[in-house]
């Protein structure tokens, strides 16, 4: 029996993924073949639209869990990507317990939520409707981002909301909201990160983080972070090309 990504996350398994931003399914196919535990499909920043996300899910969604970051903590984008068959969602700029509760409500079917019922790819376009409905509440992953000073202030109340599966720290946006643009190692920023970390670990809430390099994510892993997104498809391409060119010049 295949263990769901949500079950692995809640069990505390360290799950290594990378971010997909290029609107070409073949890029996601290459990354899926590398062996990542999950793919972070970024529908918030960059060029990925609904049809691009659909193409990526069709190409690799059955091979590797694809967690889609929606553009906002709103009902429409959440139900749209879940109906496309995403294994879960990452919701940016969630800064209050009320926002988190709304996200859970939009993501779970009744009686524990109010997700709209449709016939999408997730439901086999209707052919596997009941099968999906029977398992979605147990298998769909709901991740909220703590990436603003307001989220830090409210983090204890946010992690007390039933139904969220992990908190993903956004260090760069958090630094910007604290007046420390790009200064993710500034004591003000690290202090805020420490507060989020402590609040999550107190209630055994899985913690996630994004880092550009392996060295950037090793310290969080040592601190107990388990949902890890490292680097971006564009950086893999650009860095490898630059390295090759420098070897020949």
Protein backbone atom coordinates (compact mmCIF):
# COMPACT_ATOMS: atom_id res chain seq x y z
CA UNK A 1 0.00 0.00 0.00
CA UNK A 2 1.39 3.40 -1.01
CA UNK A 3 1.83 5.83 1.86
CA UNK A 4 0.42 9.25 1.05
CA UNK A 5 2.59 12.35 1.03
CA UNK A 6 0.44 13.77 3.83
CA UNK A 7 1.05 10.69 5.96
CA UNK A 8 4.79 10.93 5.36
CA UNK A 9 4.75 14.62 6.26
CA UNK A 10 2.79 14.06 9.47
CA UNK A 11 5.10 11.18 10.39
CA UNK A 12 8.05 13.56 10.44
CA UNK A 13 9.87 12.19 7.41
CA UNK A 14 12.35 14.61 5.84
CA UNK A 15 10.98 15.38 2.39
CA UNK A 16 13.26 17.07 -0.14
CA UNK A 17 11.74 18.93 -3.07
CA UNK A 18 12.55 21.69 -5.51
CA UNK A 19 10.65 24.57 -7.06
CA UNK A 20 9.19 24.44 -10.55
CA UNK A 21 8.60 27.79 -12.27
CA UNK A 22 9.16 27.09 -15.97
CA UNK A 23 5.83 26.52 -17.79
CA UNK A 24 7.05 23.43 -19.64
CA UNK A 25 6.06 19.93 -18.46
CA UNK A 26 9.34 18.45 -19.68
CA UNK A 27 11.23 20.42 -17.02
CA UNK A 28 9.03 18.89 -14.32
CA UNK A 29 9.56 15.45 -15.91
CA UNK A 30 13.34 15.84 -15.66
CA UNK A 31 13.11 16.88 -12.01
CA UNK A 32 10.70 14.05 -11.23
CA UNK A 33 13.22 11.57 -12.63
CA UNK A 34 15.98 12.96 -10.39
CA UNK A 35 14.24 11.48 -7.36
CA UNK A 36 12.91 14.43 -5.36
CA UNK A 37 10.27 13.53 -2.78
CA UNK A 38 8.00 16.31 -4.01
CA UNK A 39 7.79 19.23 -6.42
CA UNK A 40 6.89 22.77 -5.35
CA UNK A 41 4.83 24.08 -8.29
CA UNK A 42 4.90 27.85 -8.01
CA UNK A 43 1.62 29.37 -9.14
CA UNK A 44 2.18 32.56 -7.15
CA UNK A 45 5.23 34.09 -8.84
CA UNK A 46 6.32 33.78 -12.44
CA UNK A 47 4.66 32.48 -15.56
CA UNK A 48 2.69 29.43 -14.44
CA UNK A 49 -1.02 29.74 -15.18
CA UNK A 50 -3.80 27.22 -14.64
CA UNK A 51 -3.21 25.45 -17.95
CA UNK A 52 0.52 25.21 -17.21
CA UNK A 53 -0.15 23.68 -13.80
CA UNK A 54 -2.54 21.22 -15.44
CA UNK A 55 0.13 20.19 -17.96
CA UNK A 56 2.67 19.61 -15.22
CA UNK A 57 0.22 17.56 -13.16
CA UNK A 58 -0.69 15.48 -16.21
CA UNK A 59 2.99 14.85 -16.90
CA UNK A 60 4.27 14.00 -13.41
CA UNK A 61 1.45 14.22 -10.86
CA UNK A 62 1.14 10.44 -10.73
CA UNK A 63 4.92 9.99 -10.30
CA UNK A 64 5.78 12.55 -7.64
CA UNK A 65 3.58 14.56 -5.28
CA UNK A 66 3.06 18.05 -6.70
CA UNK A 67 2.22 20.72 -4.14
CA UNK A 68 0.98 23.87 -5.82
CA UNK A 69 1.49 27.31 -4.37
CA UNK A 70 -1.66 29.26 -5.14
CA UNK A 71 -1.51 33.03 -5.77
CA UNK A 72 -3.58 34.01 -2.73
CA UNK A 73 -5.46 32.69 0.29
CA UNK A 74 -8.73 32.70 -1.62
CA UNK A 75 -11.34 30.06 -2.35
CA UNK A 76 -11.26 30.12 -6.15
CA UNK A 77 -7.56 29.38 -6.76
CA UNK A 78 -7.50 26.78 -3.98
CA UNK A 79 -10.39 24.71 -5.30
CA UNK A 80 -9.17 25.12 -8.88
CA UNK A 81 -5.74 23.56 -8.31
CA UNK A 82 -7.14 20.85 -6.06
CA UNK A 83 -9.69 19.94 -8.72
CA UNK A 84 -6.78 19.70 -11.18
CA UNK A 85 -5.37 16.91 -9.02
CA UNK A 86 -2.64 18.61 -6.99
CA UNK A 87 -1.49 16.58 -4.01
CA UNK A 88 -1.85 19.70 -1.93
CA UNK A 89 -1.51 23.45 -1.71
CA UNK A 90 0.87 26.01 -0.31
CA UNK A 91 -0.89 29.25 0.59
CA UNK A 92 1.15 32.46 0.78
CA UNK A 93 0.73 35.43 3.10
CA UNK A 94 -1.40 33.74 5.75
CA UNK A 95 -1.08 36.13 8.66
CA UNK A 96 -3.94 35.38 11.04
CA UNK A 97 -5.72 32.40 12.56
CA UNK A 98 -8.87 33.50 10.73
CA UNK A 99 -7.09 33.31 7.37
CA UNK A 100 -5.74 29.87 8.19
CA UNK A 101 -9.21 28.66 9.17
CA UNK A 102 -10.56 29.93 5.84
CA UNK A 103 -7.82 28.08 3.95
CA UNK A 104 -8.70 24.83 5.71
CA UNK A 105 -12.39 25.37 5.02
CA UNK A 106 -11.74 25.94 1.30
CA UNK A 107 -9.56 22.81 1.11
CA UNK A 108 -11.67 20.21 2.92
CA UNK A 109 -15.01 18.75 1.93
CA UNK A 110 -17.98 18.77 4.31
CA UNK A 111 -18.47 18.04 7.11
CA UNK A 112 -15.04 19.37 8.15
CA UNK A 113 -14.88 22.04 5.47
CA UNK A 114 -16.80 23.69 2.67
CA UNK A 115 -14.78 22.86 -0.45
CA UNK A 116 -16.88 23.15 -3.56
CA UNK A 117 -17.78 19.88 -5.28
CA UNK A 118 -16.94 19.61 -8.96
CA UNK A 119 -15.96 17.06 -11.60
CA UNK A 120 -12.33 17.76 -12.38
CA UNK A 121 -9.18 15.87 -13.20
CA UNK A 122 -8.80 14.94 -9.52
CA UNK A 123 -12.10 13.07 -9.76
CA UNK A 124 -11.18 11.24 -12.96
CA UNK A 125 -13.48 13.74 -14.71
CA UNK A 126 -16.33 12.06 -12.87
CA UNK A 127 -15.28 8.45 -13.39
CA UNK A 128 -13.57 8.22 -9.98
CA UNK A 129 -15.75 10.79 -8.23
CA UNK A 130 -16.68 8.79 -5.13
CA UNK A 131 -13.20 7.34 -4.75
CA UNK A 132 -11.69 10.82 -4.64
CA UNK A 133 -14.38 12.19 -2.36
CA UNK A 134 -13.77 9.34 0.07
CA UNK A 135 -10.03 10.03 0.37
CA UNK A 136 -9.45 13.74 -0.34
CA UNK A 137 -9.87 15.00 3.21
CA UNK A 138 -7.31 12.46 4.42
CA UNK A 139 -4.78 12.88 1.61
CA UNK A 140 -4.80 16.50 0.41
CA UNK A 141 -1.98 18.47 2.03
CA UNK A 142 -2.67 21.97 3.34
CA UNK A 143 0.41 24.09 3.97
CA UNK A 144 0.36 27.74 5.01
CA UNK A 145 3.24 30.17 4.73
CA UNK A 146 4.57 32.28 7.57
CA UNK A 147 6.32 35.04 5.68
CA UNK A 148 5.27 38.32 7.27
CA UNK A 149 5.78 40.11 10.56
CA UNK A 150 2.04 39.76 11.22
CA UNK A 151 2.28 35.99 10.88
CA UNK A 152 5.08 35.93 13.42
CA UNK A 153 2.94 37.97 15.83
CA UNK A 154 0.01 35.58 15.38
CA UNK A 155 1.87 32.31 14.90
CA UNK A 156 0.75 30.66 18.17
CA UNK A 157 -2.91 31.15 17.24
CA UNK A 158 -2.30 30.11 13.63
CA UNK A 159 -0.77 26.74 14.47
CA UNK A 160 -3.65 26.01 16.84
CA UNK A 161 -6.12 25.95 13.93
CA UNK A 162 -7.19 22.35 13.22
CA UNK A 163 -6.60 21.01 9.73
CA UNK A 164 -3.29 22.48 8.61
CA UNK A 165 -0.49 20.04 7.90
CA UNK A 166 2.63 22.21 7.89
CA UNK A 167 3.96 25.74 8.08
CA UNK A 168 6.38 26.84 5.37
CA UNK A 169 8.65 29.67 6.40
CA UNK A 170 9.32 32.36 3.78
CA UNK A 171 12.55 33.98 5.00
CA UNK A 172 12.96 36.50 2.20
CA UNK A 173 9.45 37.96 2.37
CA UNK A 174 9.64 37.85 6.15
CA UNK A 175 12.87 39.85 6.10
CA UNK A 176 11.31 42.40 3.77
CA UNK A 177 8.28 42.82 6.04
CA UNK A 178 10.64 43.50 8.93
CA UNK A 179 12.48 46.21 7.01
CA UNK A 180 15.45 43.95 6.36
CA UNK A 181 15.20 43.28 2.64
CA UNK A 182 17.54 40.43 1.66
CA UNK A 183 19.06 40.30 5.15
CA UNK A 184 17.81 36.89 6.21
CA UNK A 185 20.65 36.49 8.72
CA UNK A 186 19.94 39.76 10.50
CA UNK A 187 19.21 39.18 14.22
CA UNK A 188 15.74 40.71 13.87
CA UNK A 189 14.90 38.22 11.13
CA UNK A 190 16.47 35.22 12.82
CA UNK A 191 14.63 36.12 16.02
CA UNK A 192 11.33 36.08 14.14
CA UNK A 193 12.24 32.75 12.57
CA UNK A 194 13.08 31.35 16.00
CA UNK A 195 9.64 32.36 17.29
CA UNK A 196 7.91 30.58 14.39
CA UNK A 197 10.10 27.53 14.89
CA UNK A 198 9.39 27.34 18.61
CA UNK A 199 5.63 27.77 18.17
CA UNK A 200 5.45 25.01 15.57
CA UNK A 201 7.65 22.58 17.44
CA UNK A 202 5.66 23.09 20.63
CA UNK A 203 2.58 21.59 18.94
CA UNK A 204 4.49 19.15 16.67
CA UNK A 205 3.56 21.11 13.54
CA UNK A 206 5.80 20.10 10.61
CA UNK A 207 8.02 22.95 9.47
CA UNK A 208 9.15 23.74 5.96
CA UNK A 209 11.57 26.17 4.40
CA UNK A 210 12.98 27.18 1.03
CA UNK A 211 16.69 27.64 0.43
CA UNK A 212 18.69 28.36 -2.69
CA UNK A 213 21.49 25.89 -1.90
CA UNK A 214 22.05 22.67 0.02
CA UNK A 215 24.17 24.58 2.53
CA UNK A 216 21.28 27.01 3.11
CA UNK A 217 18.85 24.27 4.13
CA UNK A 218 21.18 22.10 6.20
CA UNK A 219 20.86 24.22 9.38
CA UNK A 220 17.03 24.15 9.31
CA UNK A 221 17.11 20.39 8.75
CA UNK A 222 19.34 20.07 11.82
CA UNK A 223 16.76 22.19 13.73
CA UNK A 224 14.01 19.74 12.84
CA UNK A 225 12.55 21.22 9.66
CA UNK A 226 11.28 18.37 7.50
CA UNK A 227 9.58 19.93 4.46
CA UNK A 228 12.49 21.18 2.41
CA UNK A 229 12.43 23.00 -0.92
CA UNK A 230 15.88 23.61 -2.33
CA UNK A 231 16.74 25.66 -5.41
CA UNK A 232 14.65 26.40 -8.49
CA UNK A 233 14.51 24.95 -11.99
CA UNK A 234 15.86 28.21 -13.47
CA UNK A 235 18.85 28.20 -11.12
CA UNK A 236 19.68 24.60 -11.96
CA UNK A 237 19.70 25.50 -15.65
CA UNK A 238 21.58 28.76 -15.30
CA UNK A 239 24.16 27.49 -12.82
CA UNK A 240 24.98 24.39 -14.84
CA UNK A 241 25.29 26.42 -18.04
CA UNK A 242 27.48 29.02 -16.38
CA UNK A 243 29.72 26.35 -14.88
CA UNK A 244 30.14 24.61 -18.23
CA UNK A 245 30.94 27.87 -20.00
CA UNK A 246 33.51 28.88 -17.38
CA UNK A 247 35.25 25.51 -17.83
CA UNK A 248 35.68 26.22 -21.54
CA UNK A 249 36.85 29.82 -21.34
